[in-house]
């Protein structure tokens, strides 16, 4: 009986592996990093609010502190002179290539590009 179960289990795994789609994880990772860099560039050109509205998915969620629809919440905020910049120093994607994250430093200048006061930290996205 154990041999039959092992055989069925092995056959099932083989069938799953044969049907699995091969993805290019490096391409998925490169795309994720490019999207983060494009967001940062857009934030510098159009402003923080408009960059988030442009890059958030339709079903995005923000925690403020409770969950709210991300795009709608950002769209309702007034524009700001503040300058937000960030860039990824580490990124990874799942084996399926459908989920990923980046992390790195961020910098905020509340009064714009020439503001000498700078807030900074580390983001995860």
N, C-alpha and C. Protein backbone atom coordinates (compact mmCIF):
# COMPACT_ATOMS: atom_id res chain seq x y z
N UNK A 1 0.82 -1.19 0.00
CA UNK A 1 0.00 0.00 0.00
C UNK A 1 0.87 1.26 0.00
N UNK A 2 1.95 1.27 0.80
CA UNK A 2 2.84 2.42 0.84
C UNK A 2 3.46 2.67 -0.53
N UNK A 3 3.81 1.59 -1.22
CA UNK A 3 4.43 1.75 -2.54
C UNK A 3 3.46 2.38 -3.53
N UNK A 4 2.19 2.02 -3.43
CA UNK A 4 1.18 2.58 -4.32
C UNK A 4 1.02 4.08 -4.04
N UNK A 5 0.97 4.46 -2.76
CA UNK A 5 0.84 5.87 -2.41
C UNK A 5 2.05 6.68 -2.88
N UNK A 6 3.24 6.13 -2.70
CA UNK A 6 4.45 6.81 -3.15
C UNK A 6 4.43 6.96 -4.66
N UNK A 7 4.01 5.94 -5.37
CA UNK A 7 3.94 5.99 -6.82
C UNK A 7 2.92 7.04 -7.29
N UNK A 8 1.76 7.08 -6.66
CA UNK A 8 0.73 8.06 -7.01
C UNK A 8 1.24 9.48 -6.71
N UNK A 9 1.87 9.66 -5.57
CA UNK A 9 2.41 10.97 -5.20
C UNK A 9 3.47 11.42 -6.19
N UNK A 10 4.38 10.55 -6.55
CA UNK A 10 5.45 10.86 -7.49
C UNK A 10 4.88 11.19 -8.86
N UNK A 11 3.90 10.43 -9.29
CA UNK A 11 3.28 10.68 -10.59
C UNK A 11 2.57 12.04 -10.58
N UNK A 12 1.93 12.37 -9.47
CA UNK A 12 1.24 13.66 -9.37
C UNK A 12 2.22 14.82 -9.44
N UNK A 13 3.33 14.69 -8.73
CA UNK A 13 4.35 15.74 -8.77
C UNK A 13 4.93 15.89 -10.17
N UNK A 14 5.16 14.79 -10.84
CA UNK A 14 5.70 14.84 -12.19
C UNK A 14 4.73 15.53 -13.13
N UNK A 15 3.44 15.25 -12.98
CA UNK A 15 2.44 15.88 -13.83
C UNK A 15 2.38 17.38 -13.58
N UNK A 16 2.47 17.77 -12.32
CA UNK A 16 2.46 19.19 -12.00
C UNK A 16 3.69 19.89 -12.57
N UNK A 17 4.83 19.28 -12.43
CA UNK A 17 6.07 19.88 -12.93
C UNK A 17 6.04 20.00 -14.45
N UNK A 18 5.49 19.01 -15.12
CA UNK A 18 5.41 19.05 -16.58
C UNK A 18 4.49 20.16 -17.05
N UNK A 19 3.44 20.45 -16.30
CA UNK A 19 2.49 21.48 -16.68
C UNK A 19 2.89 22.87 -16.22
N UNK A 20 3.92 22.97 -15.41
CA UNK A 20 4.33 24.27 -14.87
C UNK A 20 4.93 25.13 -15.98
N UNK A 21 4.59 26.40 -15.96
CA UNK A 21 5.10 27.34 -16.94
C UNK A 21 6.47 27.82 -16.50
N UNK A 22 7.40 27.86 -17.42
CA UNK A 22 8.73 28.37 -17.12
C UNK A 22 8.71 29.88 -17.33
N UNK A 23 9.15 30.61 -16.33
CA UNK A 23 9.17 32.07 -16.43
C UNK A 23 10.62 32.55 -16.36
N UNK A 24 10.84 33.71 -16.88
CA UNK A 24 12.15 34.35 -16.84
C UNK A 24 12.17 35.25 -15.61
N UNK A 25 12.69 34.74 -14.50
CA UNK A 25 12.69 35.50 -13.25
C UNK A 25 13.53 36.77 -13.38
N UNK A 26 14.62 36.70 -14.14
CA UNK A 26 15.45 37.90 -14.29
C UNK A 26 14.69 39.00 -15.01
N UNK A 27 13.89 38.64 -16.02
CA UNK A 27 13.09 39.64 -16.72
C UNK A 27 12.04 40.23 -15.79
N UNK A 28 11.43 39.39 -14.96
CA UNK A 28 10.44 39.87 -13.99
C UNK A 28 11.10 40.81 -12.99
N UNK A 29 12.29 40.46 -12.52
CA UNK A 29 13.02 41.29 -11.57
C UNK A 29 13.42 42.62 -12.20
N UNK A 30 13.93 42.57 -13.43
CA UNK A 30 14.31 43.79 -14.14
C UNK A 30 13.11 44.72 -14.33
N UNK A 31 11.96 44.14 -14.64
CA UNK A 31 10.74 44.91 -14.83
C UNK A 31 10.31 45.59 -13.52
N UNK A 32 10.41 44.87 -12.42
CA UNK A 32 10.06 45.42 -11.12
C UNK A 32 10.96 46.59 -10.75
N UNK A 33 12.26 46.44 -10.92
CA UNK A 33 13.21 47.52 -10.61
C UNK A 33 12.97 48.72 -11.54
N UNK A 34 12.70 48.46 -12.80
CA UNK A 34 12.43 49.55 -13.75
C UNK A 34 11.17 50.32 -13.34
N UNK A 35 10.15 49.61 -12.86
CA UNK A 35 8.92 50.27 -12.41
C UNK A 35 9.20 51.16 -11.20
N UNK A 36 10.01 50.69 -10.25
CA UNK A 36 10.36 51.52 -9.08
C UNK A 36 11.11 52.77 -9.50
N UNK A 37 12.07 52.62 -10.41
CA UNK A 37 12.83 53.78 -10.87
C UNK A 37 11.95 54.75 -11.65
N UNK A 38 11.01 54.23 -12.43
CA UNK A 38 10.08 55.08 -13.18
C UNK A 38 9.17 55.85 -12.23
N UNK A 39 8.74 55.18 -11.15
CA UNK A 39 7.91 55.87 -10.15
C UNK A 39 8.68 57.04 -9.55
N UNK A 40 9.91 56.81 -9.14
CA UNK A 40 10.69 57.86 -8.51
C UNK A 40 10.89 59.04 -9.47
N UNK A 41 11.15 58.73 -10.73
CA UNK A 41 11.33 59.79 -11.73
C UNK A 41 10.03 60.58 -11.89
N UNK A 42 8.90 59.88 -11.97
CA UNK A 42 7.61 60.53 -12.12
C UNK A 42 7.29 61.40 -10.91
N UNK A 43 7.62 60.93 -9.71
CA UNK A 43 7.38 61.72 -8.50
C UNK A 43 8.17 63.02 -8.55
N UNK A 44 9.38 62.99 -9.08
CA UNK A 44 10.19 64.20 -9.21
C UNK A 44 9.65 65.15 -10.26
N UNK A 45 9.02 64.61 -11.31
CA UNK A 45 8.52 65.44 -12.40
C UNK A 45 7.09 65.95 -12.16
N UNK A 46 6.21 65.07 -11.68
CA UNK A 46 4.78 65.40 -11.57
C UNK A 46 4.32 65.64 -10.13
N UNK A 47 5.12 65.23 -9.17
CA UNK A 47 4.72 65.35 -7.77
C UNK A 47 4.33 63.99 -7.20
N UNK A 48 4.35 63.96 -5.88
CA UNK A 48 4.11 62.71 -5.16
C UNK A 48 2.71 62.16 -5.43
N UNK A 49 1.71 62.99 -5.24
CA UNK A 49 0.33 62.51 -5.40
C UNK A 49 0.10 61.94 -6.79
N UNK A 50 0.48 62.69 -7.81
CA UNK A 50 0.22 62.24 -9.18
C UNK A 50 1.02 60.98 -9.53
N UNK A 51 2.20 60.84 -8.98
CA UNK A 51 2.98 59.63 -9.23
C UNK A 51 2.29 58.41 -8.61
N UNK A 52 1.82 58.55 -7.37
CA UNK A 52 1.12 57.42 -6.76
C UNK A 52 -0.17 57.08 -7.51
N UNK A 53 -0.92 58.10 -7.91
CA UNK A 53 -2.15 57.85 -8.66
C UNK A 53 -1.83 57.12 -9.96
N UNK A 54 -0.77 57.52 -10.63
CA UNK A 54 -0.39 56.90 -11.89
C UNK A 54 0.10 55.45 -11.72
N UNK A 55 0.83 55.19 -10.66
CA UNK A 55 1.46 53.88 -10.52
C UNK A 55 0.68 52.88 -9.67
N UNK A 56 -0.22 53.35 -8.82
CA UNK A 56 -1.03 52.42 -8.03
C UNK A 56 -1.92 51.59 -8.93
N UNK A 57 -2.09 50.33 -8.60
CA UNK A 57 -3.05 49.48 -9.30
C UNK A 57 -4.46 49.91 -8.91
N UNK A 58 -5.42 49.58 -9.75
CA UNK A 58 -6.81 49.94 -9.46
C UNK A 58 -7.27 49.38 -8.12
N UNK A 59 -6.76 48.21 -7.75
CA UNK A 59 -7.19 47.58 -6.49
C UNK A 59 -6.16 47.74 -5.37
N UNK A 60 -5.29 48.74 -5.47
CA UNK A 60 -4.27 48.96 -4.44
C UNK A 60 -4.91 49.35 -3.11
N UNK A 61 -4.18 49.05 -2.04
CA UNK A 61 -4.65 49.35 -0.69
C UNK A 61 -3.53 50.06 0.07
N UNK A 62 -3.88 51.13 0.78
CA UNK A 62 -2.97 51.82 1.69
C UNK A 62 -3.49 51.62 3.11
N UNK A 63 -2.60 51.69 4.06
CA UNK A 63 -2.99 51.62 5.46
C UNK A 63 -2.78 52.99 6.07
N UNK A 64 -3.88 53.65 6.50
CA UNK A 64 -3.84 55.03 7.00
C UNK A 64 -4.57 55.21 8.30
N UNK A 65 -4.49 54.58 9.38
CA UNK A 65 -3.83 53.30 9.60
C UNK A 65 -4.70 52.12 9.15
N UNK A 66 -5.99 52.35 8.95
CA UNK A 66 -6.85 51.28 8.46
C UNK A 66 -6.73 51.20 6.94
N UNK A 67 -7.04 50.04 6.36
CA UNK A 67 -6.94 49.91 4.90
C UNK A 67 -7.94 50.81 4.17
N UNK A 68 -7.44 51.49 3.14
CA UNK A 68 -8.27 52.33 2.29
C UNK A 68 -7.87 52.06 0.84
N UNK A 69 -8.78 52.31 -0.13
CA UNK A 69 -8.41 52.17 -1.54
C UNK A 69 -7.30 53.16 -1.88
N UNK A 70 -6.15 52.65 -2.31
CA UNK A 70 -4.96 53.49 -2.51
C UNK A 70 -5.12 54.61 -3.50
N UNK A 71 -5.57 54.29 -4.70
CA UNK A 71 -5.69 55.31 -5.74
C UNK A 71 -6.70 56.40 -5.35
N UNK A 72 -7.84 55.98 -4.85
CA UNK A 72 -8.87 56.94 -4.45
C UNK A 72 -8.36 57.85 -3.33
N UNK A 73 -7.69 57.27 -2.35
CA UNK A 73 -7.19 58.05 -1.22
C UNK A 73 -6.17 59.09 -1.70
N UNK A 74 -5.25 58.66 -2.57
CA UNK A 74 -4.24 59.59 -3.08
C UNK A 74 -4.86 60.67 -3.95
N UNK A 75 -5.81 60.31 -4.78
CA UNK A 75 -6.46 61.27 -5.68
C UNK A 75 -7.17 62.37 -4.89
N UNK A 76 -7.65 62.03 -3.69
CA UNK A 76 -8.37 63.01 -2.85
C UNK A 76 -7.41 63.96 -2.13
N UNK A 77 -6.12 63.69 -2.11
CA UNK A 77 -5.15 64.55 -1.44
C UNK A 77 -4.81 65.74 -2.32
N UNK A 78 -4.51 66.89 -1.74
CA UNK A 78 -4.08 68.04 -2.54
C UNK A 78 -2.65 67.83 -3.05
N UNK A 79 -2.31 68.46 -4.17
CA UNK A 79 -0.92 68.37 -4.63
C UNK A 79 0.02 69.00 -3.61
N UNK A 80 1.27 68.63 -3.69
CA UNK A 80 2.26 69.11 -2.73
C UNK A 80 3.53 69.53 -3.45
N UNK A 81 4.25 70.47 -2.86
CA UNK A 81 5.57 70.86 -3.40
C UNK A 81 6.65 69.88 -2.98
N UNK A 82 6.33 69.01 -2.06
CA UNK A 82 7.33 68.09 -1.51
C UNK A 82 7.94 67.23 -2.62
N UNK A 83 9.20 66.91 -2.44
CA UNK A 83 9.92 66.06 -3.38
C UNK A 83 10.26 64.74 -2.68
N UNK A 84 9.77 63.66 -3.23
CA UNK A 84 10.06 62.32 -2.72
C UNK A 84 10.94 61.60 -3.73
N UNK A 85 12.02 61.03 -3.26
CA UNK A 85 12.85 60.22 -4.15
C UNK A 85 13.23 58.93 -3.42
N UNK A 86 13.37 57.88 -4.20
CA UNK A 86 13.83 56.62 -3.65
C UNK A 86 14.39 55.77 -4.76
N UNK A 87 15.12 54.77 -4.40
CA UNK A 87 15.63 53.81 -5.39
C UNK A 87 15.85 52.47 -4.71
N UNK A 88 15.63 51.40 -5.45
CA UNK A 88 15.80 50.07 -4.87
C UNK A 88 17.28 49.68 -4.77
N UNK A 89 17.65 49.11 -3.64
CA UNK A 89 18.98 48.53 -3.50
C UNK A 89 18.91 47.01 -3.42
N UNK A 90 17.70 46.50 -3.16
CA UNK A 90 17.49 45.06 -3.16
C UNK A 90 16.09 44.79 -3.67
N UNK A 91 15.98 43.77 -4.49
CA UNK A 91 14.67 43.38 -5.03
C UNK A 91 14.67 41.87 -5.24
N UNK A 92 13.49 41.29 -5.18
CA UNK A 92 13.35 39.87 -5.45
C UNK A 92 11.94 39.61 -5.96
N UNK A 93 11.79 38.53 -6.71
CA UNK A 93 10.48 38.11 -7.20
C UNK A 93 10.28 36.64 -6.87
N UNK A 94 9.00 36.25 -6.82
CA UNK A 94 8.66 34.87 -6.53
C UNK A 94 9.07 33.97 -7.68
N UNK A 95 9.10 32.68 -7.43
CA UNK A 95 9.44 31.72 -8.48
C UNK A 95 8.48 31.81 -9.65
N UNK A 96 7.23 32.14 -9.38
CA UNK A 96 6.23 32.28 -10.44
C UNK A 96 6.36 33.62 -11.17
N UNK A 97 7.10 34.56 -10.59
CA UNK A 97 7.30 35.86 -11.21
C UNK A 97 6.12 36.80 -11.08
N UNK A 98 5.13 36.44 -10.27
CA UNK A 98 3.93 37.26 -10.17
C UNK A 98 3.85 38.08 -8.88
N UNK A 99 4.87 38.01 -8.06
CA UNK A 99 4.91 38.76 -6.81
C UNK A 99 6.35 39.14 -6.54
N UNK A 100 6.56 40.38 -6.14
CA UNK A 100 7.92 40.81 -5.86
C UNK A 100 7.94 41.96 -4.89
N UNK A 101 9.14 42.34 -4.47
CA UNK A 101 9.29 43.49 -3.58
C UNK A 101 10.63 44.14 -3.83
N UNK A 102 10.71 45.40 -3.44
CA UNK A 102 11.97 46.13 -3.46
C UNK A 102 12.12 46.85 -2.13
N UNK A 103 13.34 47.18 -1.81
CA UNK A 103 13.61 47.96 -0.62
C UNK A 103 14.84 48.82 -0.88
N UNK A 104 14.87 49.96 -0.23
CA UNK A 104 15.99 50.87 -0.40
C UNK A 104 15.75 52.16 0.35
N UNK A 105 16.63 53.14 0.16
CA UNK A 105 16.49 54.40 0.88
C UNK A 105 15.47 55.33 0.21
N UNK A 106 14.81 56.16 1.03
CA UNK A 106 13.95 57.21 0.51
C UNK A 106 14.38 58.53 1.14
N UNK A 107 14.03 59.61 0.45
CA UNK A 107 14.34 60.96 0.92
C UNK A 107 13.15 61.86 0.60
N UNK A 108 12.77 62.70 1.55
CA UNK A 108 11.66 63.62 1.36
C UNK A 108 12.12 65.03 1.71
N UNK A 109 11.91 65.94 0.78
CA UNK A 109 12.17 67.37 0.99
C UNK A 109 10.82 68.07 0.93
N UNK A 110 10.29 68.43 2.10
CA UNK A 110 8.92 68.92 2.22
C UNK A 110 8.64 70.19 1.42
N UNK A 111 9.64 71.05 1.27
CA UNK A 111 9.42 72.32 0.58
C UNK A 111 9.95 72.31 -0.86
N UNK A 112 10.27 71.15 -1.36
CA UNK A 112 10.73 71.06 -2.74
C UNK A 112 12.22 70.74 -2.85
N UNK A 113 12.68 70.76 -4.08
CA UNK A 113 14.04 70.34 -4.43
C UNK A 113 15.14 71.04 -3.64
N UNK A 114 14.97 72.30 -3.34
CA UNK A 114 16.03 73.07 -2.67
C UNK A 114 15.89 73.12 -1.15
N UNK A 115 14.93 72.42 -0.62
CA UNK A 115 14.72 72.40 0.83
C UNK A 115 15.93 71.75 1.52
N UNK A 116 16.61 72.48 2.42
CA UNK A 116 17.78 71.90 3.08
C UNK A 116 17.41 70.85 4.14
N UNK A 117 16.16 70.88 4.61
CA UNK A 117 15.75 69.89 5.61
C UNK A 117 15.26 68.63 4.89
N UNK A 118 15.87 67.53 5.26
CA UNK A 118 15.59 66.29 4.57
C UNK A 118 15.18 65.22 5.58
N UNK A 119 14.06 64.57 5.30
CA UNK A 119 13.66 63.38 6.06
C UNK A 119 14.09 62.18 5.23
N UNK A 120 14.50 61.13 5.90
CA UNK A 120 14.95 59.96 5.13
C UNK A 120 14.68 58.69 5.92
N UNK A 121 14.70 57.60 5.23
CA UNK A 121 14.48 56.30 5.85
C UNK A 121 14.64 55.20 4.82
N UNK A 122 14.05 54.07 5.12
CA UNK A 122 14.10 52.89 4.23
C UNK A 122 12.67 52.48 3.91
N UNK A 123 12.41 52.23 2.64
CA UNK A 123 11.08 51.82 2.21
C UNK A 123 11.07 50.34 1.85
N UNK A 124 9.89 49.77 1.81
CA UNK A 124 9.67 48.45 1.23
C UNK A 124 8.40 48.56 0.40
N UNK A 125 8.46 48.06 -0.79
CA UNK A 125 7.33 48.19 -1.70
C UNK A 125 7.09 46.86 -2.39
